[in-house]
Protein backbone atom coordinates (compact mmCIF):
# COMPACT_ATOMS: atom_id res chain seq x y z
CA UNK A 1 81.59 -149.57 -125.66
CA UNK A 2 82.50 -146.37 -126.75
CA UNK A 3 85.26 -144.69 -129.04
CA UNK A 4 86.15 -141.19 -129.34
CA UNK A 5 86.65 -139.95 -132.87
CA UNK A 6 89.08 -137.36 -133.01
CA UNK A 7 89.95 -135.70 -136.48
CA UNK A 8 93.59 -134.56 -137.69
CA UNK A 9 92.59 -130.77 -137.06
CA UNK A 10 90.13 -131.00 -134.06
CA UNK A 11 88.07 -128.14 -133.46
CA UNK A 12 89.05 -125.51 -130.76
CA UNK A 13 86.54 -126.71 -128.42
CA UNK A 14 87.37 -130.45 -128.49
CA UNK A 15 88.73 -130.11 -125.02
CA UNK A 16 85.26 -129.85 -123.28
CA UNK A 17 83.54 -132.34 -125.92
CA UNK A 18 83.92 -135.41 -128.23
CA UNK A 19 83.92 -134.25 -131.77
CA UNK A 20 82.10 -137.95 -132.32
CA UNK A 21 81.56 -141.13 -130.73
CA UNK A 22 81.20 -144.42 -131.99
CA UNK A 23 79.48 -147.14 -130.16
CA UNK A 24 77.40 -150.11 -131.50
CA UNK A 25 78.17 -149.33 -135.14
CA UNK A 26 76.95 -145.88 -134.95
CA UNK A 27 78.83 -142.45 -134.93
CA UNK A 28 77.43 -139.46 -133.32
CA UNK A 29 78.84 -136.46 -134.63
CA UNK A 30 78.45 -133.40 -131.86
CA UNK A 31 76.76 -130.36 -133.38
CA UNK A 32 78.88 -128.48 -136.15
CA UNK A 33 78.59 -124.71 -137.00
CA UNK A 34 79.95 -123.02 -139.90
CA UNK A 35 83.37 -122.80 -138.22
CA UNK A 36 86.67 -122.75 -140.42
CA UNK A 37 89.60 -124.89 -139.23
CA UNK A 38 91.40 -121.85 -138.01
CA UNK A 39 88.64 -121.05 -135.68
CA UNK A 40 86.96 -118.06 -137.89
CA UNK A 41 83.08 -118.14 -138.56
CA UNK A 42 82.33 -118.52 -142.15
CA UNK A 43 79.45 -115.70 -143.10
CA UNK A 44 77.81 -115.25 -146.31
CA UNK A 45 75.21 -117.07 -148.02
CA UNK A 46 73.35 -120.28 -146.15
CA UNK A 47 74.83 -122.27 -149.22
CA UNK A 48 78.36 -121.18 -147.92
CA UNK A 49 77.75 -121.92 -144.44
CA UNK A 50 76.30 -125.45 -145.21
CA UNK A 51 79.67 -125.93 -147.28
CA UNK A 52 81.38 -125.61 -144.25
CA UNK A 53 79.46 -127.44 -142.02
CA UNK A 54 79.52 -130.60 -144.24
CA UNK A 55 83.09 -130.42 -144.83
CA UNK A 56 83.43 -130.30 -141.02
CA UNK A 57 81.16 -133.22 -140.44
CA UNK A 58 82.64 -135.27 -143.59
CA UNK A 59 85.95 -134.91 -142.01
CA UNK A 60 84.97 -136.37 -138.69
CA UNK A 61 83.02 -139.17 -140.47
CA UNK A 62 86.35 -140.03 -142.32
CA UNK A 63 88.25 -140.29 -139.24
CA UNK A 64 85.53 -142.74 -137.92
CA UNK A 65 85.64 -144.72 -141.47
CA UNK A 66 82.44 -143.49 -142.41
CA UNK A 67 81.02 -141.12 -144.78
CA UNK A 68 77.83 -138.86 -145.89
CA UNK A 69 76.12 -141.57 -146.93
CA UNK A 70 76.40 -143.55 -143.96
CA UNK A 71 74.33 -140.80 -142.15
CA UNK A 72 70.88 -141.84 -141.05
CA UNK A 73 69.49 -138.84 -138.56
CA UNK A 74 70.36 -135.24 -138.98
CA UNK A 75 69.14 -132.35 -136.75
CA UNK A 76 69.33 -128.89 -137.99
CA UNK A 77 69.36 -125.94 -135.76
CA UNK A 78 68.59 -122.45 -137.12
CA UNK A 79 68.26 -119.12 -135.97
CA UNK A 80 65.93 -117.98 -138.68
CA UNK A 81 63.27 -120.26 -140.45
CA UNK A 82 63.81 -117.99 -143.28
CA UNK A 83 67.22 -119.69 -143.88
CA UNK A 84 65.51 -123.23 -144.77
CA UNK A 85 64.49 -122.67 -148.62
CA UNK A 86 68.18 -121.78 -149.42
CA UNK A 87 69.11 -124.61 -147.15
CA UNK A 88 66.61 -127.08 -148.75
CA UNK A 89 67.90 -126.41 -152.30
CA UNK A 90 71.38 -127.27 -151.34
CA UNK A 91 70.75 -129.97 -148.79
CA UNK A 92 70.30 -132.98 -151.36
CA UNK A 93 73.65 -132.24 -152.93
CA UNK A 94 75.40 -133.87 -150.04
CA UNK A 95 73.52 -137.30 -149.85
CA UNK A 96 72.38 -140.11 -152.36
CA UNK A 97 68.87 -141.28 -151.54
CA UNK A 98 67.32 -142.30 -149.55
CA UNK A 99 67.71 -139.21 -147.41
CA UNK A 100 68.55 -139.44 -143.92
CA UNK A 101 65.54 -138.83 -141.62
CA UNK A 102 65.69 -135.04 -140.29
CA UNK A 103 64.21 -132.46 -138.49
CA UNK A 104 64.87 -128.45 -138.35
CA UNK A 105 64.35 -126.48 -135.09
CA UNK A 106 64.48 -122.97 -134.73
CA UNK A 107 66.31 -121.72 -131.61
CA UNK A 108 67.09 -118.22 -130.54
CA UNK A 109 70.91 -118.53 -130.88
CA UNK A 110 73.83 -120.73 -131.56
CA UNK A 111 77.61 -120.63 -130.24
CA UNK A 112 80.17 -118.13 -131.59
CA UNK A 113 77.14 -116.21 -133.11
CA UNK A 114 76.48 -119.28 -135.71
CA UNK A 115 73.06 -118.93 -137.70
CA UNK A 116 73.39 -122.78 -138.54
CA UNK A 117 74.22 -126.05 -136.74
CA UNK A 118 73.86 -129.69 -137.68
CA UNK A 119 74.38 -132.81 -135.40
CA UNK A 120 74.29 -136.16 -137.30
CA UNK A 121 73.97 -139.93 -136.52
CA UNK A 122 75.58 -142.34 -138.93
CA UNK A 123 75.44 -145.84 -139.20
CA UNK A 124 78.73 -148.34 -140.28
């Protein structure tokens, strides 16, 4: 059985996808880019972009009754691998150890001109 997770302020694309799905004790969060609630793309440093993405993910997880420390798997998409050193400096601030399993994939482009997208799986 699956349950759709909807936040208080769903993203503008929520009409074509679920922000997250809960199934069998897991929460599968759709890819999140550095998009603010008003729809604008956060520009600036990797640190600023990551902060917005993790805020988005956190809000979705809270709506599902979970939090960032329930994340067991992270998939990171970047348009330029040169972003990874700064990303890796900031990433540990969002989790307790042990850190989630993760992978980073370099892609040609992301929605709305974003340069980073993250999807996660959390276990409740």
